[in-house]
């Protein structure tokens, strides 16, 4: 299959993406279509299912909706080009997040844009809707919450997003963050990212406690 995108083979765009639902059954449908050779149908389903959450993740890391949309469009092209040879050693979702993380890193290195979201928009994007893992982060002070998560490096933000907001398994989080290391030793890699998460959780709780004490 040629990787050149022309005519009806062009990669799907976000305009065709509704809300993501039915992740487990959707993943099965994507794989079934892929294994049957229906790459277009499989990719259409994948974009409908995961497009909005991937764009939200990239917007959080890049802190600019316009910039994130540009990088997201390139991500879709990259996923499409690599889709025929995808071997299903992970779920499509995990592979897509790994690719999105790498795309964000490349964009941040290549383009240093000053554009930023408004503080309220950043807080809405970044704050977990329902989190029992980081209860001290539930606060009415959206500006402080946004600044706190903004201060984290991209992998720390990724760790919070994937584990809390997306509720991904440790093994999948490890694949996104550690790549080949996680493929070589999944158990060790999962333990590594879990310890990293625990340290990050403690830092954030300590910061929230300190702020509460100063209030």
C-alpha atoms as a PDB file:
ATOM      1  CA  UNK A   1       0.000   0.000   0.000  1.00  0.00           C
ATOM      2  CA  UNK A   2       1.370   3.387  -0.969  1.00  0.00           C
ATOM      3  CA  UNK A   3       1.813   5.850   1.859  1.00  0.00           C
ATOM      4  CA  UNK A   4       0.978   8.765  -0.427  1.00  0.00           C
ATOM      5  CA  UNK A   5      -2.408  10.175   0.519  1.00  0.00           C
ATOM      6  CA  UNK A   6      -4.567  11.148  -2.407  1.00  0.00           C
ATOM      7  CA  UNK A   7      -8.261  11.175  -3.277  1.00  0.00           C
ATOM      8  CA  UNK A   8     -10.425   8.887  -1.147  1.00  0.00           C
ATOM      9  CA  UNK A   9      -7.323   7.588   0.693  1.00  0.00           C
ATOM     10  CA  UNK A  10      -6.614  10.888   2.444  1.00  0.00           C
ATOM     11  CA  UNK A  11      -6.271  10.608   6.176  1.00  0.00           C
ATOM     12  CA  UNK A  12      -9.457  11.425   8.145  1.00  0.00           C
ATOM     13  CA  UNK A  13      -9.639  14.803   9.845  1.00  0.00           C
ATOM     14  CA  UNK A  14     -11.008  15.922  13.185  1.00  0.00           C
ATOM     15  CA  UNK A  15     -14.114  17.371  11.552  1.00  0.00           C
ATOM     16  CA  UNK A  16     -15.357  13.805  11.254  1.00  0.00           C
ATOM     17  CA  UNK A  17     -14.805  12.955  14.916  1.00  0.00           C
ATOM     18  CA  UNK A  18     -17.667  12.722  17.464  1.00  0.00           C
ATOM     19  CA  UNK A  19     -17.254  11.949  21.160  1.00  0.00           C
ATOM     20  CA  UNK A  20     -15.265   8.821  22.047  1.00  0.00           C
ATOM     21  CA  UNK A  21     -17.411   5.953  23.399  1.00  0.00           C
ATOM     22  CA  UNK A  22     -17.216   2.176  23.729  1.00  0.00           C
ATOM     23  CA  UNK A  23     -13.426   1.976  23.849  1.00  0.00           C
ATOM     24  CA  UNK A  24     -13.145  -1.776  24.395  1.00  0.00           C
ATOM     25  CA  UNK A  25     -15.587  -2.837  21.673  1.00  0.00           C
ATOM     26  CA  UNK A  26     -14.268  -0.059  19.455  1.00  0.00           C
ATOM     27  CA  UNK A  27     -10.713  -1.351  19.772  1.00  0.00           C
ATOM     28  CA  UNK A  28     -11.898  -4.816  18.741  1.00  0.00           C
ATOM     29  CA  UNK A  29     -13.688  -3.353  15.725  1.00  0.00           C
ATOM     30  CA  UNK A  30     -10.582  -1.419  14.682  1.00  0.00           C
ATOM     31  CA  UNK A  31      -8.445  -4.548  14.861  1.00  0.00           C
ATOM     32  CA  UNK A  32     -10.971  -6.679  13.010  1.00  0.00           C
ATOM     33  CA  UNK A  33     -11.218  -4.183  10.148  1.00  0.00           C
ATOM     34  CA  UNK A  34      -7.433  -3.875  10.053  1.00  0.00           C
ATOM     35  CA  UNK A  35      -6.906  -7.646   9.884  1.00  0.00           C
ATOM     36  CA  UNK A  36      -9.491  -7.879   7.108  1.00  0.00           C
ATOM     37  CA  UNK A  37      -7.545  -5.326   5.085  1.00  0.00           C
ATOM     38  CA  UNK A  38     -10.057  -2.503   5.489  1.00  0.00           C
ATOM     39  CA  UNK A  39      -7.464   0.073   6.505  1.00  0.00           C
ATOM     40  CA  UNK A  40      -9.680   3.020   5.634  1.00  0.00           C
ATOM     41  CA  UNK A  41     -12.579   1.729   7.719  1.00  0.00           C
ATOM     42  CA  UNK A  42     -10.296   0.831  10.613  1.00  0.00           C
ATOM     43  CA  UNK A  43      -8.669   4.258  10.644  1.00  0.00           C
ATOM     44  CA  UNK A  44     -12.026   6.020  10.402  1.00  0.00           C
ATOM     45  CA  UNK A  45     -13.181   4.135  13.500  1.00  0.00           C
ATOM     46  CA  UNK A  46      -9.938   4.889  15.326  1.00  0.00           C
ATOM     47  CA  UNK A  47     -10.182   8.623  14.667  1.00  0.00           C
ATOM     48  CA  UNK A  48     -13.831   8.745  15.737  1.00  0.00           C
ATOM     49  CA  UNK A  49     -13.004   6.846  18.920  1.00  0.00           C
ATOM     50  CA  UNK A  50      -9.720   8.433  20.001  1.00  0.00           C
ATOM     51  CA  UNK A  51      -9.377  11.685  18.060  1.00  0.00           C
ATOM     52  CA  UNK A  52     -10.906  14.039  20.654  1.00  0.00           C
ATOM     53  CA  UNK A  53      -8.923  12.663  23.599  1.00  0.00           C
ATOM     54  CA  UNK A  54      -5.655  12.698  21.643  1.00  0.00           C
ATOM     55  CA  UNK A  55      -6.226  16.300  20.620  1.00  0.00           C
ATOM     56  CA  UNK A  56      -7.049  17.210  24.222  1.00  0.00           C
ATOM     57  CA  UNK A  57      -3.839  15.573  25.420  1.00  0.00           C
ATOM     58  CA  UNK A  58      -1.749  17.399  22.830  1.00  0.00           C
ATOM     59  CA  UNK A  59      -3.426  20.715  23.659  1.00  0.00           C
ATOM     60  CA  UNK A  60      -2.562  20.220  27.320  1.00  0.00           C
ATOM     61  CA  UNK A  61       1.124  19.679  26.534  1.00  0.00           C
ATOM     62  CA  UNK A  62       1.449  22.370  23.867  1.00  0.00           C
ATOM     63  CA  UNK A  63      -0.799  24.923  25.646  1.00  0.00           C
ATOM     64  CA  UNK A  64      -2.141  26.222  22.347  1.00  0.00           C
ATOM     65  CA  UNK A  65      -5.228  24.947  20.563  1.00  0.00           C
ATOM     66  CA  UNK A  66      -4.063  26.125  17.140  1.00  0.00           C
ATOM     67  CA  UNK A  67      -0.617  24.603  17.563  1.00  0.00           C
ATOM     68  CA  UNK A  68      -2.087  21.347  18.863  1.00  0.00           C
ATOM     69  CA  UNK A  69      -4.420  21.095  15.865  1.00  0.00           C
ATOM     70  CA  UNK A  70      -1.476  21.537  13.491  1.00  0.00           C
ATOM     71  CA  UNK A  71       0.521  18.819  15.253  1.00  0.00           C
ATOM     72  CA  UNK A  72      -2.568  16.602  15.508  1.00  0.00           C
ATOM     73  CA  UNK A  73      -3.083  16.800  11.750  1.00  0.00           C
ATOM     74  CA  UNK A  74       0.494  15.629  11.203  1.00  0.00           C
ATOM     75  CA  UNK A  75      -0.037  12.866  13.781  1.00  0.00           C
ATOM     76  CA  UNK A  76      -2.995  11.523  11.794  1.00  0.00           C
ATOM     77  CA  UNK A  77      -0.848  11.400   8.669  1.00  0.00           C
ATOM     78  CA  UNK A  78       1.900   9.549  10.539  1.00  0.00           C
ATOM     79  CA  UNK A  79      -0.550   7.052  12.029  1.00  0.00           C
ATOM     80  CA  UNK A  80      -2.040   6.411   8.605  1.00  0.00           C
ATOM     81  CA  UNK A  81       1.362   5.868   7.015  1.00  0.00           C
ATOM     82  CA  UNK A  82       2.347   3.356   9.683  1.00  0.00           C
ATOM     83  CA  UNK A  83      -1.035   1.681  10.039  1.00  0.00           C
ATOM     84  CA  UNK A  84      -0.641  -1.041   7.421  1.00  0.00           C
ATOM     85  CA  UNK A  85       2.410  -2.412   9.213  1.00  0.00           C
ATOM     86  CA  UNK A  86       0.987  -2.069  12.732  1.00  0.00           C
ATOM     87  CA  UNK A  87       1.576  -5.426  14.469  1.00  0.00           C
ATOM     88  CA  UNK A  88      -0.808  -5.083  17.453  1.00  0.00           C
ATOM     89  CA  UNK A  89       1.862  -5.591  20.093  1.00  0.00           C
ATOM     90  CA  UNK A  90      -0.198  -2.983  21.974  1.00  0.00           C
ATOM     91  CA  UNK A  91      -3.665  -1.550  21.559  1.00  0.00           C
ATOM     92  CA  UNK A  92      -4.175   1.065  18.864  1.00  0.00           C
ATOM     93  CA  UNK A  93      -4.897   3.589  21.617  1.00  0.00           C
ATOM     94  CA  UNK A  94      -1.547   2.980  23.312  1.00  0.00           C
ATOM     95  CA  UNK A  95       0.298   3.181  19.998  1.00  0.00           C
ATOM     96  CA  UNK A  96      -1.511   6.417  19.160  1.00  0.00           C
ATOM     97  CA  UNK A  97      -0.582   7.996  22.504  1.00  0.00           C
ATOM     98  CA  UNK A  98       3.040   6.965  22.075  1.00  0.00           C
ATOM     99  CA  UNK A  99       3.032   8.562  18.630  1.00  0.00           C
ATOM    100  CA  UNK A 100       1.279  11.681  19.971  1.00  0.00           C
ATOM    101  CA  UNK A 101       3.863  12.057  22.751  1.00  0.00           C
ATOM    102  CA  UNK A 102       6.691  11.836  20.240  1.00  0.00           C
ATOM    103  CA  UNK A 103       4.951  14.287  17.897  1.00  0.00           C
ATOM    104  CA  UNK A 104       4.606  16.795  20.740  1.00  0.00           C
ATOM    105  CA  UNK A 105       8.292  16.473  21.645  1.00  0.00           C
ATOM    106  CA  UNK A 106       9.306  17.038  18.033  1.00  0.00           C
ATOM    107  CA  UNK A 107       7.035  20.068  17.757  1.00  0.00           C
ATOM    108  CA  UNK A 108       8.299  21.587  21.015  1.00  0.00           C
ATOM    109  CA  UNK A 109      11.879  21.157  19.826  1.00  0.00           C
ATOM    110  CA  UNK A 110      11.248  22.482  16.329  1.00  0.00           C
ATOM    111  CA  UNK A 111       8.763  25.297  16.992  1.00  0.00           C
ATOM    112  CA  UNK A 112       8.932  27.399  20.115  1.00  0.00           C
ATOM    113  CA  UNK A 113       5.639  29.235  20.006  1.00  0.00           C
ATOM    114  CA  UNK A 114       4.672  31.731  22.698  1.00  0.00           C
ATOM    115  CA  UNK A 115       0.924  31.154  22.323  1.00  0.00           C
ATOM    116  CA  UNK A 116      -0.849  30.026  25.477  1.00  0.00           C
ATOM    117  CA  UNK A 117      -4.383  29.139  26.460  1.00  0.00           C
ATOM    118  CA  UNK A 118      -6.254  31.301  28.904  1.00  0.00           C
ATOM    119  CA  UNK A 119      -5.814  30.105  32.475  1.00  0.00           C
ATOM    120  CA  UNK A 120      -9.442  29.024  32.782  1.00  0.00           C
ATOM    121  CA  UNK A 121      -9.173  26.991  29.569  1.00  0.00           C
ATOM    122  CA  UNK A 122      -5.981  25.329  30.777  1.00  0.00           C
ATOM    123  CA  UNK A 123      -7.616  24.374  34.071  1.00  0.00           C
ATOM    124  CA  UNK A 124     -10.617  22.896  32.309  1.00  0.00           C
ATOM    125  CA  UNK A 125      -8.384  20.826  30.026  1.00  0.00           C
ATOM    126  CA  UNK A 126      -6.008  19.615  32.683  1.00  0.00           C
ATOM    127  CA  UNK A 127      -8.082  19.034  35.819  1.00  0.00           C
ATOM    128  CA  UNK A 128      -9.332  15.451  36.256  1.00  0.00           C
ATOM    129  CA  UNK A 129     -13.145  15.383  36.332  1.00  0.00           C
ATOM    130  CA  UNK A 130     -13.261  12.643  38.976  1.00  0.00           C
ATOM    131  CA  UNK A 131     -10.082  11.904  40.862  1.00  0.00           C
ATOM    132  CA  UNK A 132      -9.816  10.011  44.101  1.00  0.00           C
ATOM    133  CA  UNK A 133      -6.083   9.550  43.553  1.00  0.00           C
ATOM    134  CA  UNK A 134      -5.194  13.218  44.014  1.00  0.00           C
ATOM    135  CA  UNK A 135      -7.960  14.570  46.274  1.00  0.00           C
ATOM    136  CA  UNK A 136      -5.936  17.581  47.403  1.00  0.00           C
ATOM    137  CA  UNK A 137      -5.961  18.891  43.826  1.00  0.00           C
ATOM    138  CA  UNK A 138      -9.722  19.455  43.912  1.00  0.00           C
ATOM    139  CA  UNK A 139      -9.813  23.210  44.400  1.00  0.00           C
ATOM    140  CA  UNK A 140     -11.830  26.240  43.374  1.00  0.00           C
ATOM    141  CA  UNK A 141      -8.640  28.101  42.551  1.00  0.00           C
ATOM    142  CA  UNK A 142      -8.399  27.243  38.861  1.00  0.00           C
ATOM    143  CA  UNK A 143      -5.513  29.597  38.268  1.00  0.00           C
ATOM    144  CA  UNK A 144      -3.368  27.887  40.884  1.00  0.00           C
ATOM    145  CA  UNK A 145      -4.317  24.412  39.635  1.00  0.00           C
ATOM    146  CA  UNK A 146      -3.445  25.312  36.051  1.00  0.00           C
ATOM    147  CA  UNK A 147      -0.108  26.780  37.085  1.00  0.00           C
ATOM    148  CA  UNK A 148       0.695  23.718  39.174  1.00  0.00           C
ATOM    149  CA  UNK A 149       0.155  21.268  36.322  1.00  0.00           C
ATOM    150  CA  UNK A 150       1.782  23.629  33.842  1.00  0.00           C
ATOM    151  CA  UNK A 151       4.941  23.535  35.941  1.00  0.00           C
ATOM    152  CA  UNK A 152       5.347  19.805  35.319  1.00  0.00           C
ATOM    153  CA  UNK A 153       7.516  18.523  32.504  1.00  0.00           C
ATOM    154  CA  UNK A 154       5.771  16.885  29.510  1.00  0.00           C
ATOM    155  CA  UNK A 155       6.291  13.324  30.738  1.00  0.00           C
ATOM    156  CA  UNK A 156       4.904  14.194  34.165  1.00  0.00           C
ATOM    157  CA  UNK A 157       1.854  15.740  32.522  1.00  0.00           C
ATOM    158  CA  UNK A 158       1.572  12.655  30.332  1.00  0.00           C
ATOM    159  CA  UNK A 159       1.749  10.404  33.379  1.00  0.00           C
ATOM    160  CA  UNK A 160      -1.091  12.292  35.089  1.00  0.00           C
ATOM    161  CA  UNK A 161      -3.193  12.418  31.941  1.00  0.00           C
ATOM    162  CA  UNK A 162      -2.868   8.741  31.063  1.00  0.00           C
ATOM    163  CA  UNK A 163      -3.254   7.334  34.554  1.00  0.00           C
ATOM    164  CA  UNK A 164      -5.839   9.698  36.076  1.00  0.00           C
ATOM    165  CA  UNK A 165      -7.722  11.294  33.205  1.00  0.00           C
ATOM    166  CA  UNK A 166      -7.578   8.323  30.766  1.00  0.00           C
ATOM    167  CA  UNK A 167      -7.394   5.535  33.407  1.00  0.00           C
ATOM    168  CA  UNK A 168      -4.898   3.535  31.378  1.00  0.00           C
ATOM    169  CA  UNK A 169      -3.253   0.402  32.780  1.00  0.00           C
ATOM    170  CA  UNK A 170       0.298   0.736  34.108  1.00  0.00           C
ATOM    171  CA  UNK A 171       1.577  -1.502  31.315  1.00  0.00           C
ATOM    172  CA  UNK A 172       0.094   0.824  28.695  1.00  0.00           C
ATOM    173  CA  UNK A 173       1.404   3.940  30.445  1.00  0.00           C
ATOM    174  CA  UNK A 174       4.844   2.327  30.445  1.00  0.00           C
ATOM    175  CA  UNK A 175       4.637   1.630  26.718  1.00  0.00           C
ATOM    176  CA  UNK A 176       3.784   5.268  26.017  1.00  0.00           C
ATOM    177  CA  UNK A 177       6.526   6.699  28.235  1.00  0.00           C
ATOM    178  CA  UNK A 178       9.292   4.095  27.917  1.00  0.00           C
ATOM    179  CA  UNK A 179       8.726   2.535  24.505  1.00  0.00           C
ATOM    180  CA  UNK A 180      11.252  -0.204  23.709  1.00  0.00           C
ATOM    181  CA  UNK A 181      12.241  -0.528  27.367  1.00  0.00           C
ATOM    182  CA  UNK A 182       8.658  -1.443  28.210  1.00  0.00           C
ATOM    183  CA  UNK A 183       8.485  -3.919  25.336  1.00  0.00           C
ATOM    184  CA  UNK A 184      11.640  -5.656  26.552  1.00  0.00           C
ATOM    185  CA  UNK A 185      10.590  -5.930  30.206  1.00  0.00           C
ATOM    186  CA  UNK A 186       6.907  -5.017  30.705  1.00  0.00           C
ATOM    187  CA  UNK A 187       6.734  -5.804  34.428  1.00  0.00           C
ATOM    188  CA  UNK A 188       9.803  -3.796  35.335  1.00  0.00           C
ATOM    189  CA  UNK A 189       8.722  -0.865  33.158  1.00  0.00           C
ATOM    190  CA  UNK A 190       5.245  -0.816  34.707  1.00  0.00           C
ATOM    191  CA  UNK A 191       6.799  -0.795  38.174  1.00  0.00           C
ATOM    192  CA  UNK A 192       9.080   2.060  37.136  1.00  0.00           C
ATOM    193  CA  UNK A 193       6.278   4.335  35.963  1.00  0.00           C
ATOM    194  CA  UNK A 194       4.179   3.451  39.005  1.00  0.00           C
ATOM    195  CA  UNK A 195       6.995   4.543  41.334  1.00  0.00           C
ATOM    196  CA  UNK A 196       7.395   7.710  39.271  1.00  0.00           C
ATOM    197  CA  UNK A 197       3.681   8.366  39.655  1.00  0.00           C
ATOM    198  CA  UNK A 198       3.840   7.864  43.436  1.00  0.00           C
ATOM    199  CA  UNK A 199       6.692  10.375  43.715  1.00  0.00           C
ATOM    200  CA  UNK A 200       4.810  12.868  41.564  1.00  0.00           C
ATOM    201  CA  UNK A 201       1.620  12.376  43.573  1.00  0.00           C
ATOM    202  CA  UNK A 202       3.516  13.103  46.777  1.00  0.00           C
ATOM    203  CA  UNK A 203       5.027  16.280  45.311  1.00  0.00           C
ATOM    204  CA  UNK A 204       1.623  17.550  44.262  1.00  0.00           C
ATOM    205  CA  UNK A 205       0.017  16.704  47.586  1.00  0.00           C
ATOM    206  CA  UNK A 206       2.842  18.432  49.431  1.00  0.00           C
ATOM    207  CA  UNK A 207       2.409  21.513  47.237  1.00  0.00           C
ATOM    208  CA  UNK A 208      -1.338  21.547  47.883  1.00  0.00           C
ATOM    209  CA  UNK A 209      -0.827  21.123  51.623  1.00  0.00           C
ATOM    210  CA  UNK A 210       1.742  23.918  51.729  1.00  0.00           C
ATOM    211  CA  UNK A 211      -0.586  26.230  49.862  1.00  0.00           C
ATOM    212  CA  UNK A 212      -3.460  25.379  52.218  1.00  0.00           C
ATOM    213  CA  UNK A 213      -1.269  26.122  55.233  1.00  0.00           C
ATOM    214  CA  UNK A 214      -0.375  29.532  53.784  1.00  0.00           C
ATOM    215  CA  UNK A 215      -3.985  30.446  53.029  1.00  0.00           C
END
